[in-house]
């Protein structure tokens, strides 16, 4: 098992690395050339800037049982298809029970934006979200470590 972080715009990179250390798990940060990440306790892979380039690199590296930290529902669905785990920055563990409705809501929001409508963005991040994320990631690591 390893933890792969879709790091572009990810507010929980440091927490993910801390949890990886606690569970003696490899941690890999993935980003595109528009971002720079270098953290102790994790290796970094930088890919060319482009639509979904980080997502495709993650899917290519992914193995059964790995954990991916991502806000992207599409990437989460691909992870589930490869028998891996996906978790978002707020601690939501993506699974076969919630991914379809999440993908559908993303599709509907895209239709609204394409028609000129506006969708309210996320609210300011709260400390409780970091706590929830840490707890969920620890749960995944504990239940699925080899």
N, C-alpha and C. Protein backbone atom coordinates (compact mmCIF):
# COMPACT_ATOMS: atom_id res chain seq x y z
N UNK A 1 0.84 -1.18 0.00
CA UNK A 1 0.00 0.00 0.00
C UNK A 1 0.89 1.24 0.00
N UNK A 2 0.46 2.23 -0.79
CA UNK A 2 1.12 3.52 -0.76
C UNK A 2 0.05 4.60 -0.84
N UNK A 3 0.41 5.80 -0.45
CA UNK A 3 -0.49 6.95 -0.53
C UNK A 3 -0.01 7.84 -1.65
N UNK A 4 -0.89 8.11 -2.60
CA UNK A 4 -0.59 9.01 -3.71
C UNK A 4 -1.45 10.25 -3.54
N UNK A 5 -0.84 11.41 -3.64
CA UNK A 5 -1.55 12.67 -3.42
C UNK A 5 -1.66 13.45 -4.72
N UNK A 6 -2.89 13.73 -5.12
CA UNK A 6 -3.18 14.62 -6.24
C UNK A 6 -3.01 16.03 -5.67
N UNK A 7 -1.80 16.54 -5.73
CA UNK A 7 -1.41 17.69 -4.91
C UNK A 7 -1.84 19.05 -5.43
N UNK A 8 -2.19 19.17 -6.68
CA UNK A 8 -2.58 20.47 -7.22
C UNK A 8 -3.84 20.95 -6.49
N UNK A 9 -3.72 21.98 -5.68
CA UNK A 9 -4.84 22.52 -4.94
C UNK A 9 -5.26 21.70 -3.73
N UNK A 10 -4.40 20.83 -3.26
CA UNK A 10 -4.74 19.95 -2.14
C UNK A 10 -4.31 20.58 -0.81
N UNK A 11 -5.25 20.82 0.11
CA UNK A 11 -4.90 21.45 1.39
C UNK A 11 -4.39 20.49 2.46
N UNK A 12 -4.33 19.19 2.15
CA UNK A 12 -3.96 18.21 3.19
C UNK A 12 -2.70 17.42 2.85
N UNK A 13 -1.81 18.01 2.08
CA UNK A 13 -0.57 17.33 1.71
C UNK A 13 0.23 16.98 2.97
N UNK A 14 0.44 17.94 3.85
CA UNK A 14 1.26 17.69 5.04
C UNK A 14 0.63 16.66 5.97
N UNK A 15 -0.68 16.71 6.13
CA UNK A 15 -1.36 15.71 6.97
C UNK A 15 -1.20 14.32 6.36
N UNK A 16 -1.32 14.22 5.06
CA UNK A 16 -1.17 12.93 4.38
C UNK A 16 0.22 12.35 4.61
N UNK A 17 1.23 13.19 4.53
CA UNK A 17 2.61 12.74 4.75
C UNK A 17 2.79 12.28 6.20
N UNK A 18 2.23 13.03 7.15
CA UNK A 18 2.32 12.65 8.57
C UNK A 18 1.69 11.28 8.81
N UNK A 19 0.52 11.06 8.24
CA UNK A 19 -0.17 9.77 8.41
C UNK A 19 0.64 8.65 7.74
N UNK A 20 1.19 8.91 6.58
CA UNK A 20 2.01 7.91 5.90
C UNK A 20 3.19 7.51 6.79
N UNK A 21 3.81 8.48 7.44
CA UNK A 21 4.92 8.17 8.35
C UNK A 21 4.44 7.32 9.52
N UNK A 22 3.29 7.68 10.09
CA UNK A 22 2.74 6.92 11.22
C UNK A 22 2.52 5.46 10.87
N UNK A 23 2.13 5.19 9.64
CA UNK A 23 1.82 3.82 9.21
C UNK A 23 2.95 3.22 8.37
N UNK A 24 4.10 3.86 8.37
CA UNK A 24 5.27 3.37 7.64
C UNK A 24 4.90 3.02 6.19
N UNK A 25 4.25 3.97 5.55
CA UNK A 25 3.73 3.78 4.20
C UNK A 25 4.39 4.76 3.25
N UNK A 26 4.72 4.29 2.07
CA UNK A 26 5.29 5.17 1.05
C UNK A 26 4.28 6.25 0.68
N UNK A 27 4.77 7.47 0.48
CA UNK A 27 3.91 8.59 0.12
C UNK A 27 4.51 9.28 -1.11
N UNK A 28 3.65 9.48 -2.11
CA UNK A 28 4.09 10.11 -3.35
C UNK A 28 3.20 11.30 -3.65
N UNK A 29 3.81 12.44 -3.85
CA UNK A 29 3.11 13.67 -4.22
C UNK A 29 3.19 13.80 -5.74
N UNK A 30 2.07 14.04 -6.38
CA UNK A 30 2.05 14.24 -7.82
C UNK A 30 1.47 15.61 -8.14
N UNK A 31 2.15 16.35 -8.99
CA UNK A 31 1.70 17.69 -9.37
C UNK A 31 2.16 17.98 -10.80
N UNK A 32 1.66 19.06 -11.36
CA UNK A 32 2.14 19.45 -12.68
C UNK A 32 3.15 20.59 -12.55
N UNK A 33 3.70 21.01 -13.65
CA UNK A 33 4.79 22.00 -13.64
C UNK A 33 4.34 23.37 -13.15
N UNK A 34 3.04 23.60 -13.00
CA UNK A 34 2.56 24.88 -12.48
C UNK A 34 2.70 24.96 -10.96
N UNK A 35 3.04 23.85 -10.33
CA UNK A 35 3.18 23.79 -8.88
C UNK A 35 4.54 23.21 -8.50
N UNK A 36 4.95 23.47 -7.27
CA UNK A 36 6.20 22.91 -6.79
C UNK A 36 5.97 22.35 -5.40
N UNK A 37 6.29 21.08 -5.24
CA UNK A 37 6.17 20.43 -3.94
C UNK A 37 7.45 19.69 -3.64
N UNK A 38 7.98 19.94 -2.48
CA UNK A 38 9.10 19.15 -1.99
C UNK A 38 8.93 19.07 -0.48
N UNK A 39 8.66 17.88 -0.02
CA UNK A 39 8.41 17.67 1.41
C UNK A 39 9.23 16.49 1.90
N UNK A 40 9.73 16.62 3.10
CA UNK A 40 10.42 15.52 3.74
C UNK A 40 9.41 14.40 4.02
N UNK A 41 9.81 13.17 3.75
CA UNK A 41 8.93 12.04 4.01
C UNK A 41 8.09 11.63 2.82
N UNK A 42 8.27 12.31 1.69
CA UNK A 42 7.51 11.96 0.49
C UNK A 42 8.37 12.20 -0.74
N UNK A 43 8.13 11.40 -1.76
CA UNK A 43 8.78 11.67 -3.04
C UNK A 43 7.80 12.47 -3.89
N UNK A 44 8.34 13.22 -4.83
CA UNK A 44 7.50 14.06 -5.68
C UNK A 44 7.71 13.69 -7.13
N UNK A 45 6.60 13.57 -7.85
CA UNK A 45 6.64 13.36 -9.29
C UNK A 45 5.94 14.56 -9.93
N UNK A 46 6.65 15.25 -10.81
CA UNK A 46 6.09 16.39 -11.51
C UNK A 46 5.88 16.00 -12.97
N UNK A 47 4.67 16.24 -13.47
CA UNK A 47 4.35 15.90 -14.85
C UNK A 47 4.10 17.18 -15.63
N UNK A 48 4.10 17.05 -16.95
CA UNK A 48 3.83 18.20 -17.80
C UNK A 48 2.45 18.75 -17.52
N UNK A 49 2.34 20.07 -17.64
CA UNK A 49 1.05 20.72 -17.44
C UNK A 49 0.12 20.34 -18.58
N UNK A 50 -1.08 19.98 -18.23
CA UNK A 50 -2.06 19.60 -19.24
C UNK A 50 -3.29 19.04 -18.57
N UNK A 51 -4.39 19.06 -19.29
CA UNK A 51 -5.65 18.58 -18.73
C UNK A 51 -5.52 17.13 -18.28
N UNK A 52 -5.72 16.92 -17.02
CA UNK A 52 -5.73 15.58 -16.42
C UNK A 52 -4.40 14.84 -16.47
N UNK A 53 -3.30 15.52 -16.73
CA UNK A 53 -2.01 14.83 -16.81
C UNK A 53 -1.62 14.18 -15.48
N UNK A 54 -1.89 14.87 -14.37
CA UNK A 54 -1.59 14.30 -13.06
C UNK A 54 -2.49 13.09 -12.81
N UNK A 55 -3.76 13.21 -13.15
CA UNK A 55 -4.71 12.11 -12.94
C UNK A 55 -4.25 10.85 -13.67
N UNK A 56 -3.85 11.00 -14.92
CA UNK A 56 -3.44 9.83 -15.69
C UNK A 56 -2.15 9.22 -15.14
N UNK A 57 -1.25 10.04 -14.65
CA UNK A 57 -0.02 9.52 -14.05
C UNK A 57 -0.36 8.71 -12.79
N UNK A 58 -1.27 9.24 -11.98
CA UNK A 58 -1.69 8.52 -10.77
C UNK A 58 -2.28 7.17 -11.14
N UNK A 59 -3.18 7.15 -12.11
CA UNK A 59 -3.82 5.89 -12.51
C UNK A 59 -2.78 4.90 -13.02
N UNK A 60 -1.77 5.39 -13.73
CA UNK A 60 -0.73 4.49 -14.23
C UNK A 60 0.15 3.92 -13.12
N UNK A 61 0.33 4.66 -12.04
CA UNK A 61 1.14 4.19 -10.92
C UNK A 61 0.36 3.33 -9.94
N UNK A 62 -0.94 3.45 -9.96
CA UNK A 62 -1.83 2.87 -8.98
C UNK A 62 -1.83 1.35 -9.00
N UNK A 63 -1.81 0.79 -7.78
CA UNK A 63 -1.94 -0.66 -7.62
C UNK A 63 -3.07 -0.95 -6.66
N UNK A 64 -3.57 -2.15 -6.74
CA UNK A 64 -4.66 -2.58 -5.86
C UNK A 64 -4.28 -2.29 -4.40
N UNK A 65 -5.21 -1.66 -3.68
CA UNK A 65 -4.99 -1.38 -2.26
C UNK A 65 -4.33 -0.05 -1.96
N UNK A 66 -3.86 0.67 -2.98
CA UNK A 66 -3.27 1.99 -2.75
C UNK A 66 -4.36 2.98 -2.36
N UNK A 67 -3.95 4.09 -1.77
CA UNK A 67 -4.87 5.15 -1.36
C UNK A 67 -4.51 6.41 -2.14
N UNK A 68 -5.52 7.04 -2.72
CA UNK A 68 -5.32 8.29 -3.46
C UNK A 68 -6.08 9.40 -2.75
N UNK A 69 -5.38 10.49 -2.49
CA UNK A 69 -5.99 11.69 -1.91
C UNK A 69 -6.29 12.63 -3.06
N UNK A 70 -7.59 12.89 -3.29
CA UNK A 70 -7.99 13.71 -4.43
C UNK A 70 -9.33 14.37 -4.19
N UNK A 71 -9.54 15.51 -4.84
CA UNK A 71 -10.83 16.19 -4.83
C UNK A 71 -11.61 15.87 -6.10
N UNK A 72 -11.00 15.13 -7.00
CA UNK A 72 -11.53 14.89 -8.33
C UNK A 72 -12.37 13.61 -8.36
N UNK A 73 -13.67 13.75 -8.60
CA UNK A 73 -14.56 12.59 -8.62
C UNK A 73 -14.22 11.63 -9.75
N UNK A 74 -13.82 12.16 -10.89
CA UNK A 74 -13.45 11.31 -12.01
C UNK A 74 -12.25 10.44 -11.68
N UNK A 75 -11.22 11.05 -11.08
CA UNK A 75 -10.05 10.29 -10.67
C UNK A 75 -10.44 9.26 -9.60
N UNK A 76 -11.29 9.65 -8.67
CA UNK A 76 -11.73 8.72 -7.63
C UNK A 76 -12.41 7.50 -8.26
N UNK A 77 -13.24 7.73 -9.28
CA UNK A 77 -13.92 6.61 -9.95
C UNK A 77 -12.91 5.68 -10.61
N UNK A 78 -11.87 6.24 -11.23
CA UNK A 78 -10.84 5.40 -11.85
C UNK A 78 -10.08 4.60 -10.79
N UNK A 79 -9.86 5.20 -9.64
CA UNK A 79 -9.18 4.49 -8.54
C UNK A 79 -10.01 3.30 -8.08
N UNK A 80 -11.30 3.53 -7.90
CA UNK A 80 -12.19 2.45 -7.47
C UNK A 80 -12.20 1.31 -8.49
N UNK A 81 -12.15 1.66 -9.77
CA UNK A 81 -12.14 0.65 -10.83
C UNK A 81 -10.87 -0.21 -10.77
N UNK A 82 -9.81 0.31 -10.19
CA UNK A 82 -8.56 -0.44 -10.07
C UNK A 82 -8.40 -1.06 -8.68
N UNK A 83 -9.50 -1.18 -7.93
CA UNK A 83 -9.49 -1.76 -6.58
C UNK A 83 -8.56 -1.02 -5.63
N UNK A 84 -8.51 0.29 -5.80
CA UNK A 84 -7.76 1.15 -4.90
C UNK A 84 -8.77 1.97 -4.10
N UNK A 85 -8.27 2.77 -3.19
CA UNK A 85 -9.13 3.60 -2.35
C UNK A 85 -8.90 5.07 -2.70
N UNK A 86 -9.94 5.87 -2.54
CA UNK A 86 -9.82 7.30 -2.79
C UNK A 86 -10.53 8.03 -1.66
N UNK A 87 -9.92 9.13 -1.25
CA UNK A 87 -10.44 9.94 -0.15
C UNK A 87 -10.28 11.40 -0.52
N UNK A 88 -11.27 12.22 -0.15
CA UNK A 88 -11.12 13.64 -0.46
C UNK A 88 -10.54 14.40 0.73
N UNK A 89 -10.31 15.68 0.55
CA UNK A 89 -9.63 16.51 1.54
C UNK A 89 -10.45 16.71 2.81
N UNK A 90 -11.72 16.34 2.80
CA UNK A 90 -12.56 16.49 3.98
C UNK A 90 -12.80 15.17 4.70
N UNK A 91 -12.19 14.10 4.20
CA UNK A 91 -12.30 12.81 4.85
C UNK A 91 -13.37 11.90 4.26
N UNK A 92 -14.02 12.34 3.18
CA UNK A 92 -15.00 11.49 2.53
C UNK A 92 -14.26 10.38 1.79
N UNK A 93 -14.59 9.14 2.14
CA UNK A 93 -14.01 8.00 1.45
C UNK A 93 -14.95 7.66 0.30
N UNK A 94 -14.45 7.75 -0.91
CA UNK A 94 -15.25 7.44 -2.08
C UNK A 94 -15.45 5.93 -2.14
N UNK A 95 -16.66 5.51 -2.51
CA UNK A 95 -16.93 4.09 -2.65
C UNK A 95 -18.00 3.87 -3.71
N UNK A 96 -18.35 2.62 -3.93
CA UNK A 96 -19.33 2.30 -4.97
C UNK A 96 -20.72 2.82 -4.63
N UNK A 97 -20.96 3.16 -3.38
CA UNK A 97 -22.27 3.66 -2.97
C UNK A 97 -22.43 5.16 -3.21
N UNK A 98 -21.33 5.93 -3.23
CA UNK A 98 -21.48 7.38 -3.37
C UNK A 98 -20.91 7.95 -4.68
N UNK A 99 -20.10 7.20 -5.39
CA UNK A 99 -19.41 7.78 -6.53
C UNK A 99 -20.36 8.15 -7.68
N UNK A 100 -21.39 7.35 -7.92
CA UNK A 100 -22.30 7.66 -9.03
C UNK A 100 -23.03 8.98 -8.79
N UNK A 101 -23.53 9.19 -7.58
CA UNK A 101 -24.25 10.44 -7.31
C UNK A 101 -23.30 11.64 -7.35
N UNK A 102 -22.06 11.45 -6.92
CA UNK A 102 -21.08 12.54 -6.97
C UNK A 102 -20.73 12.89 -8.42
N UNK A 103 -20.54 11.88 -9.26
CA UNK A 103 -20.27 12.13 -10.68
C UNK A 103 -21.46 12.81 -11.34
N UNK A 104 -22.66 12.41 -10.96
CA UNK A 104 -23.87 13.02 -11.52
C UNK A 104 -23.98 14.49 -11.11
N UNK A 105 -23.67 14.79 -9.86
CA UNK A 105 -23.73 16.19 -9.41
C UNK A 105 -22.67 17.04 -10.12
N UNK A 106 -21.50 16.45 -10.38
CA UNK A 106 -20.47 17.17 -11.13
C UNK A 106 -20.95 17.45 -12.55
N UNK A 107 -21.59 16.47 -13.16
CA UNK A 107 -22.11 16.64 -14.52
C UNK A 107 -23.18 17.74 -14.55
N UNK A 108 -24.08 17.73 -13.59
CA UNK A 108 -25.14 18.74 -13.55
C UNK A 108 -24.57 20.14 -13.32
N UNK A 109 -23.57 20.26 -12.47
CA UNK A 109 -22.93 21.56 -12.23
C UNK A 109 -22.25 22.06 -13.50
N UNK A 110 -21.64 21.15 -14.24
CA UNK A 110 -20.99 21.53 -15.49
C UNK A 110 -22.02 22.04 -16.50
N UNK A 111 -23.18 21.40 -16.55
CA UNK A 111 -24.26 21.85 -17.44
C UNK A 111 -24.73 23.25 -17.05
N UNK A 112 -24.87 23.52 -15.77
CA UNK A 112 -25.30 24.84 -15.29
C UNK A 112 -24.27 25.90 -15.70
N UNK A 113 -22.99 25.61 -15.49
CA UNK A 113 -21.94 26.56 -15.85
C UNK A 113 -21.89 26.79 -17.36
N UNK A 114 -22.07 25.73 -18.15
CA UNK A 114 -22.05 25.85 -19.61
C UNK A 114 -23.20 26.72 -20.11
N UNK A 115 -24.28 26.73 -19.36
CA UNK A 115 -25.45 27.54 -19.74
C UNK A 115 -25.34 28.96 -19.20
N UNK A 116 -24.20 29.29 -18.58
CA UNK A 116 -23.99 30.64 -18.08
C UNK A 116 -24.35 30.82 -16.62
N UNK A 117 -24.77 29.76 -15.97
CA UNK A 117 -25.12 29.84 -14.55
C UNK A 117 -23.90 29.80 -13.66
N UNK A 118 -24.13 30.04 -12.40
CA UNK A 118 -23.03 30.04 -11.44
C UNK A 118 -23.33 29.02 -10.33
N UNK A 119 -22.29 28.39 -9.87
CA UNK A 119 -22.38 27.43 -8.77
C UNK A 119 -21.55 28.00 -7.62
N UNK A 120 -22.12 27.98 -6.43
CA UNK A 120 -21.40 28.48 -5.26
C UNK A 120 -20.18 27.60 -4.99
N UNK A 121 -19.06 28.24 -4.74
CA UNK A 121 -17.83 27.51 -4.45
C UNK A 121 -17.80 27.00 -3.02
N UNK A 122 -16.73 26.30 -2.67
CA UNK A 122 -16.62 25.75 -1.32
C UNK A 122 -16.43 26.87 -0.29
N UNK A 123 -16.87 26.59 0.92
CA UNK A 123 -16.69 27.56 2.01
C UNK A 123 -15.25 27.49 2.52
N UNK A 124 -14.87 28.45 3.34
CA UNK A 124 -13.53 28.50 3.90
C UNK A 124 -13.25 27.22 4.70
N UNK A 125 -12.05 26.71 4.57
CA UNK A 125 -11.67 25.47 5.24
C UNK A 125 -11.64 25.66 6.75
N UNK A 126 -12.18 24.67 7.46
CA UNK A 126 -12.25 24.70 8.92
C UNK A 126 -11.34 23.64 9.52
N UNK A 127 -10.82 23.85 10.73
CA UNK A 127 -9.95 22.86 11.37
C UNK A 127 -10.60 21.49 11.53
N UNK A 128 -11.93 21.46 11.69
CA UNK A 128 -12.62 20.18 11.83
C UNK A 128 -12.46 19.31 10.59
N UNK A 129 -12.35 19.96 9.43
CA UNK A 129 -12.18 19.21 8.19
C UNK A 129 -10.83 18.50 8.16
N UNK A 130 -9.79 19.17 8.67
CA UNK A 130 -8.48 18.52 8.77
C UNK A 130 -8.54 17.33 9.71
N UNK A 131 -9.24 17.48 10.82
CA UNK A 131 -9.39 16.40 11.80
C UNK A 131 -10.14 15.22 11.17
N UNK A 132 -11.23 15.51 10.48
CA UNK A 132 -12.00 14.45 9.82
C UNK A 132 -11.17 13.73 8.76
N UNK A 133 -10.39 14.51 8.00
CA UNK A 133 -9.53 13.91 6.98
C UNK A 133 -8.52 12.96 7.62
N UNK A 134 -7.85 13.44 8.66
CA UNK A 134 -6.83 12.61 9.33
C UNK A 134 -7.44 11.31 9.85
N UNK A 135 -8.60 11.40 10.49
CA UNK A 135 -9.26 10.22 11.04
C UNK A 135 -9.61 9.21 9.94
N UNK A 136 -10.17 9.71 8.84
CA UNK A 136 -10.54 8.82 7.75
C UNK A 136 -9.32 8.19 7.09
N UNK A 137 -8.27 8.97 6.89
CA UNK A 137 -7.06 8.42 6.27
C UNK A 137 -6.41 7.39 7.19
N UNK A 138 -6.38 7.66 8.48
CA UNK A 138 -5.84 6.68 9.44
C UNK A 138 -6.67 5.39 9.41
N UNK A 139 -7.97 5.52 9.32
CA UNK A 139 -8.85 4.35 9.25
C UNK A 139 -8.52 3.52 8.01
N UNK A 140 -8.36 4.17 6.86
CA UNK A 140 -8.01 3.44 5.64
C UNK A 140 -6.66 2.73 5.79
N UNK A 141 -5.69 3.45 6.33
CA UNK A 141 -4.35 2.86 6.49
C UNK A 141 -4.39 1.67 7.45
N UNK A 142 -5.08 1.84 8.55
CA UNK A 142 -5.16 0.77 9.55
C UNK A 142 -5.87 -0.47 8.99
N UNK A 143 -6.97 -0.26 8.29
CA UNK A 143 -7.77 -1.39 7.80
C UNK A 143 -7.20 -2.06 6.56
N UNK A 144 -6.30 -1.38 5.85
CA UNK A 144 -5.87 -1.93 4.57
C UNK A 144 -4.35 -2.04 4.44
N UNK A 145 -3.63 -1.88 5.53
CA UNK A 145 -2.17 -2.03 5.43
C UNK A 145 -1.84 -3.50 5.24
N UNK A 146 -0.77 -3.73 4.54
CA UNK A 146 -0.37 -5.12 4.22
C UNK A 146 0.45 -5.70 5.33
